[in-house]
């Protein structure tokens, strides 16, 4: 059993429904969701001319191998209407693998830990909420330390579900 951290993001459609459905499908197909961060409204990163995102981090206990977690999360994205048209573009749902235990992995399809996590407040704020003391296996800093050192100035605002 490994604890994997998944980042949910959405800026199109009914973001709240997308998150709820994605969480249900992750529970069914990936593993037990043992922690959920709050929901955060965040400015777009990378491609900035698009609506604000809703983001959340889930901690999931899984028996699946990393590639199978990726297969399942991409299938969930597709089932929920995700169409990949533009890198960092607008989307109905995005599910990123942030960490998979202390694994360091780089393949053509998958890089773990997520290569940009330490540069993005929209990832670090919800991650530090539920796993502040988790140590990044490459950078050897906790999520709280990574958040403190993050240069990203984009606003990340806590919101209540349904807002």
C-alpha atoms as a PDB file:
ATOM      1  CA  UNK A   1       0.000   0.000   0.000  1.00  0.00           C
ATOM      2  CA  UNK A   2       1.392   3.395  -1.000  1.00  0.00           C
ATOM      3  CA  UNK A   3       0.134   6.857  -0.219  1.00  0.00           C
ATOM      4  CA  UNK A   4      -0.162   8.910  -3.361  1.00  0.00           C
ATOM      5  CA  UNK A   5      -1.079  12.582  -3.488  1.00  0.00           C
ATOM      6  CA  UNK A   6      -3.286  13.691  -6.362  1.00  0.00           C
ATOM      7  CA  UNK A   7      -3.999  17.280  -7.403  1.00  0.00           C
ATOM      8  CA  UNK A   8      -7.430  18.021  -8.843  1.00  0.00           C
ATOM      9  CA  UNK A   9      -7.912  21.103 -10.990  1.00  0.00           C
ATOM     10  CA  UNK A  10     -10.812  22.470 -13.036  1.00  0.00           C
ATOM     11  CA  UNK A  11     -11.745  25.817 -14.546  1.00  0.00           C
ATOM     12  CA  UNK A  12     -14.602  24.942 -16.913  1.00  0.00           C
ATOM     13  CA  UNK A  13     -18.125  23.664 -16.339  1.00  0.00           C
ATOM     14  CA  UNK A  14     -19.483  22.768 -12.916  1.00  0.00           C
ATOM     15  CA  UNK A  15     -16.180  22.505 -11.077  1.00  0.00           C
ATOM     16  CA  UNK A  16     -17.753  21.370  -7.801  1.00  0.00           C
ATOM     17  CA  UNK A  17     -19.620  18.488  -9.468  1.00  0.00           C
ATOM     18  CA  UNK A  18     -16.472  17.543 -11.375  1.00  0.00           C
ATOM     19  CA  UNK A  19     -14.482  17.351  -8.124  1.00  0.00           C
ATOM     20  CA  UNK A  20     -17.129  15.307  -6.354  1.00  0.00           C
ATOM     21  CA  UNK A  21     -17.457  12.861  -9.248  1.00  0.00           C
ATOM     22  CA  UNK A  22     -13.665  12.615  -9.676  1.00  0.00           C
ATOM     23  CA  UNK A  23     -13.242  11.879  -5.958  1.00  0.00           C
ATOM     24  CA  UNK A  24     -15.889   9.140  -6.128  1.00  0.00           C
ATOM     25  CA  UNK A  25     -14.239   7.560  -9.175  1.00  0.00           C
ATOM     26  CA  UNK A  26     -10.766   7.799  -7.600  1.00  0.00           C
ATOM     27  CA  UNK A  27     -12.161   5.992  -4.531  1.00  0.00           C
ATOM     28  CA  UNK A  28     -13.584   3.251  -6.754  1.00  0.00           C
ATOM     29  CA  UNK A  29     -10.629   2.813  -9.127  1.00  0.00           C
ATOM     30  CA  UNK A  30      -7.425   4.061  -7.488  1.00  0.00           C
ATOM     31  CA  UNK A  31      -7.755   3.568  -3.733  1.00  0.00           C
ATOM     32  CA  UNK A  32      -9.098   4.808  -0.438  1.00  0.00           C
ATOM     33  CA  UNK A  33      -9.178   8.604  -0.167  1.00  0.00           C
ATOM     34  CA  UNK A  34      -7.803   9.142   3.351  1.00  0.00           C
ATOM     35  CA  UNK A  35      -7.439  12.940   3.332  1.00  0.00           C
ATOM     36  CA  UNK A  36      -8.814  15.834   1.328  1.00  0.00           C
ATOM     37  CA  UNK A  37      -7.577  19.399   1.416  1.00  0.00           C
ATOM     38  CA  UNK A  38      -9.948  22.297   1.286  1.00  0.00           C
ATOM     39  CA  UNK A  39     -10.878  23.782  -2.077  1.00  0.00           C
ATOM     40  CA  UNK A  40      -8.893  26.711  -3.403  1.00  0.00           C
ATOM     41  CA  UNK A  41      -9.687  29.255  -6.085  1.00  0.00           C
ATOM     42  CA  UNK A  42      -6.454  29.930  -7.937  1.00  0.00           C
ATOM     43  CA  UNK A  43      -5.179  32.079 -10.748  1.00  0.00           C
ATOM     44  CA  UNK A  44      -4.235  30.200 -13.929  1.00  0.00           C
ATOM     45  CA  UNK A  45      -0.549  29.227 -14.258  1.00  0.00           C
ATOM     46  CA  UNK A  46       1.325  28.856 -17.518  1.00  0.00           C
ATOM     47  CA  UNK A  47      -1.457  30.051 -19.824  1.00  0.00           C
ATOM     48  CA  UNK A  48      -2.953  32.996 -17.934  1.00  0.00           C
ATOM     49  CA  UNK A  49      -5.722  34.121 -20.320  1.00  0.00           C
ATOM     50  CA  UNK A  50      -8.384  31.730 -18.985  1.00  0.00           C
ATOM     51  CA  UNK A  51     -10.834  31.413 -16.058  1.00  0.00           C
ATOM     52  CA  UNK A  52      -9.639  30.835 -12.484  1.00  0.00           C
ATOM     53  CA  UNK A  53      -9.163  27.258 -11.325  1.00  0.00           C
ATOM     54  CA  UNK A  54     -10.533  25.310  -8.433  1.00  0.00           C
ATOM     55  CA  UNK A  55      -7.839  23.065  -6.896  1.00  0.00           C
ATOM     56  CA  UNK A  56      -7.747  20.376  -4.238  1.00  0.00           C
ATOM     57  CA  UNK A  57      -5.265  17.710  -3.100  1.00  0.00           C
ATOM     58  CA  UNK A  58      -6.327  14.173  -2.188  1.00  0.00           C
ATOM     59  CA  UNK A  59      -4.245  11.652  -0.241  1.00  0.00           C
ATOM     60  CA  UNK A  60      -5.043   8.169  -1.541  1.00  0.00           C
ATOM     61  CA  UNK A  61      -3.915   4.783  -0.222  1.00  0.00           C
ATOM     62  CA  UNK A  62      -3.404   2.586  -3.279  1.00  0.00           C
ATOM     63  CA  UNK A  63      -2.158  -0.851  -4.220  1.00  0.00           C
ATOM     64  CA  UNK A  64      -1.827   0.192  -7.878  1.00  0.00           C
ATOM     65  CA  UNK A  65       1.559   0.755  -9.482  1.00  0.00           C
ATOM     66  CA  UNK A  66       2.268   4.377 -10.562  1.00  0.00           C
ATOM     67  CA  UNK A  67       1.629   3.726 -14.274  1.00  0.00           C
ATOM     68  CA  UNK A  68      -1.735   2.173 -13.426  1.00  0.00           C
ATOM     69  CA  UNK A  69      -2.620   5.164 -11.216  1.00  0.00           C
ATOM     70  CA  UNK A  70      -1.865   7.323 -14.256  1.00  0.00           C
ATOM     71  CA  UNK A  71      -3.979   5.090 -16.510  1.00  0.00           C
ATOM     72  CA  UNK A  72      -6.903   5.253 -14.092  1.00  0.00           C
ATOM     73  CA  UNK A  73      -6.718   9.012 -13.500  1.00  0.00           C
ATOM     74  CA  UNK A  74      -6.522   9.707 -17.230  1.00  0.00           C
ATOM     75  CA  UNK A  75      -9.509   7.414 -17.830  1.00  0.00           C
ATOM     76  CA  UNK A  76     -11.430   9.330 -15.144  1.00  0.00           C
ATOM     77  CA  UNK A  77     -10.494  12.644 -16.776  1.00  0.00           C
ATOM     78  CA  UNK A  78     -11.729  11.360 -20.129  1.00  0.00           C
ATOM     79  CA  UNK A  79     -14.949  10.004 -18.619  1.00  0.00           C
ATOM     80  CA  UNK A  80     -15.608  13.428 -17.080  1.00  0.00           C
ATOM     81  CA  UNK A  81     -15.148  15.150 -20.440  1.00  0.00           C
ATOM     82  CA  UNK A  82     -11.496  16.193 -20.453  1.00  0.00           C
ATOM     83  CA  UNK A  83     -10.187  17.016 -23.903  1.00  0.00           C
ATOM     84  CA  UNK A  84      -6.446  17.711 -24.153  1.00  0.00           C
ATOM     85  CA  UNK A  85      -6.001  20.603 -26.582  1.00  0.00           C
ATOM     86  CA  UNK A  86      -3.439  22.962 -25.078  1.00  0.00           C
ATOM     87  CA  UNK A  87      -0.745  22.418 -22.452  1.00  0.00           C
ATOM     88  CA  UNK A  88      -1.817  24.244 -19.269  1.00  0.00           C
ATOM     89  CA  UNK A  89      -5.051  25.272 -21.006  1.00  0.00           C
ATOM     90  CA  UNK A  90      -8.610  25.402 -19.709  1.00  0.00           C
ATOM     91  CA  UNK A  91     -10.138  22.071 -18.697  1.00  0.00           C
ATOM     92  CA  UNK A  92     -13.163  20.410 -17.164  1.00  0.00           C
ATOM     93  CA  UNK A  93     -10.935  18.280 -14.907  1.00  0.00           C
ATOM     94  CA  UNK A  94      -7.257  17.581 -14.418  1.00  0.00           C
ATOM     95  CA  UNK A  95      -5.820  14.958 -12.077  1.00  0.00           C
ATOM     96  CA  UNK A  96      -2.066  15.093 -11.505  1.00  0.00           C
ATOM     97  CA  UNK A  97       0.037  12.632  -9.520  1.00  0.00           C
ATOM     98  CA  UNK A  98       2.056  14.848  -7.193  1.00  0.00           C
ATOM     99  CA  UNK A  99       3.785  12.173  -5.102  1.00  0.00           C
ATOM    100  CA  UNK A 100       3.706   8.382  -4.954  1.00  0.00           C
ATOM    101  CA  UNK A 101       5.213   7.621  -1.556  1.00  0.00           C
ATOM    102  CA  UNK A 102       8.928   8.433  -1.709  1.00  0.00           C
ATOM    103  CA  UNK A 103       9.235   7.137  -5.271  1.00  0.00           C
ATOM    104  CA  UNK A 104      11.367   9.022  -7.787  1.00  0.00           C
ATOM    105  CA  UNK A 105      10.384   8.022 -11.317  1.00  0.00           C
ATOM    106  CA  UNK A 106      10.940   9.419 -14.790  1.00  0.00           C
ATOM    107  CA  UNK A 107       9.471   7.719 -17.857  1.00  0.00           C
ATOM    108  CA  UNK A 108       8.166   9.030 -21.170  1.00  0.00           C
ATOM    109  CA  UNK A 109       4.656   9.198 -19.667  1.00  0.00           C
ATOM    110  CA  UNK A 110       5.207   9.987 -16.021  1.00  0.00           C
ATOM    111  CA  UNK A 111       7.492  12.002 -13.749  1.00  0.00           C
ATOM    112  CA  UNK A 112       7.179  11.586  -9.978  1.00  0.00           C
ATOM    113  CA  UNK A 113       7.388  13.744  -7.936  1.00  0.00           C
ATOM    114  CA  UNK A 114       5.517  16.163 -10.174  1.00  0.00           C
ATOM    115  CA  UNK A 115       8.257  18.293 -11.782  1.00  0.00           C
ATOM    116  CA  UNK A 116       6.577  21.678 -11.145  1.00  0.00           C
ATOM    117  CA  UNK A 117       5.039  21.143  -7.724  1.00  0.00           C
ATOM    118  CA  UNK A 118       7.638  23.235  -5.876  1.00  0.00           C
ATOM    119  CA  UNK A 119       7.007  26.187  -8.248  1.00  0.00           C
ATOM    120  CA  UNK A 120       3.218  26.317  -7.878  1.00  0.00           C
ATOM    121  CA  UNK A 121       1.342  27.773  -4.913  1.00  0.00           C
ATOM    122  CA  UNK A 122      -1.896  26.209  -6.217  1.00  0.00           C
ATOM    123  CA  UNK A 123      -0.306  22.807  -5.559  1.00  0.00           C
ATOM    124  CA  UNK A 124       1.680  23.623  -2.430  1.00  0.00           C
ATOM    125  CA  UNK A 125      -1.063  25.384  -0.441  1.00  0.00           C
ATOM    126  CA  UNK A 126      -3.502  22.426  -0.418  1.00  0.00           C
ATOM    127  CA  UNK A 127      -0.618  19.949  -0.171  1.00  0.00           C
ATOM    128  CA  UNK A 128       0.857  21.713   2.866  1.00  0.00           C
ATOM    129  CA  UNK A 129      -2.617  21.784   4.417  1.00  0.00           C
ATOM    130  CA  UNK A 130      -2.887  17.982   4.577  1.00  0.00           C
ATOM    131  CA  UNK A 131       0.792  16.910   4.490  1.00  0.00           C
ATOM    132  CA  UNK A 132       2.972  19.781   5.780  1.00  0.00           C
ATOM    133  CA  UNK A 133       5.726  17.464   7.052  1.00  0.00           C
ATOM    134  CA  UNK A 134       5.910  15.175   4.007  1.00  0.00           C
ATOM    135  CA  UNK A 135       9.463  15.413   2.621  1.00  0.00           C
ATOM    136  CA  UNK A 136       9.973  15.826  -1.136  1.00  0.00           C
ATOM    137  CA  UNK A 137      12.186  12.828  -2.035  1.00  0.00           C
ATOM    138  CA  UNK A 138      14.414  14.843  -4.399  1.00  0.00           C
ATOM    139  CA  UNK A 139      14.526  18.339  -2.881  1.00  0.00           C
ATOM    140  CA  UNK A 140      14.640  16.992   0.700  1.00  0.00           C
ATOM    141  CA  UNK A 141      12.350  19.731   2.012  1.00  0.00           C
ATOM    142  CA  UNK A 142       8.928  19.412   3.577  1.00  0.00           C
ATOM    143  CA  UNK A 143       5.862  20.670   1.744  1.00  0.00           C
ATOM    144  CA  UNK A 144       5.636  23.485   4.307  1.00  0.00           C
ATOM    145  CA  UNK A 145       9.251  24.478   3.556  1.00  0.00           C
ATOM    146  CA  UNK A 146       8.627  24.317  -0.190  1.00  0.00           C
ATOM    147  CA  UNK A 147       5.590  26.577   0.204  1.00  0.00           C
ATOM    148  CA  UNK A 148       7.587  29.062   2.296  1.00  0.00           C
ATOM    149  CA  UNK A 149      10.314  29.203  -0.379  1.00  0.00           C
ATOM    150  CA  UNK A 150       7.945  29.301  -3.383  1.00  0.00           C
ATOM    151  CA  UNK A 151       8.378  32.361  -5.631  1.00  0.00           C
ATOM    152  CA  UNK A 152       4.938  31.989  -7.271  1.00  0.00           C
ATOM    153  CA  UNK A 153       2.994  35.164  -6.440  1.00  0.00           C
ATOM    154  CA  UNK A 154      -0.369  33.930  -7.774  1.00  0.00           C
ATOM    155  CA  UNK A 155      -3.232  34.217  -5.327  1.00  0.00           C
ATOM    156  CA  UNK A 156      -4.622  31.032  -3.784  1.00  0.00           C
ATOM    157  CA  UNK A 157      -7.883  31.626  -1.895  1.00  0.00           C
ATOM    158  CA  UNK A 158      -9.706  29.092   0.268  1.00  0.00           C
ATOM    159  CA  UNK A 159     -13.341  28.618  -0.766  1.00  0.00           C
ATOM    160  CA  UNK A 160     -16.190  26.612   0.664  1.00  0.00           C
ATOM    161  CA  UNK A 161     -17.698  23.848  -1.467  1.00  0.00           C
ATOM    162  CA  UNK A 162     -20.557  25.262  -3.488  1.00  0.00           C
ATOM    163  CA  UNK A 163     -19.163  28.774  -3.800  1.00  0.00           C
END
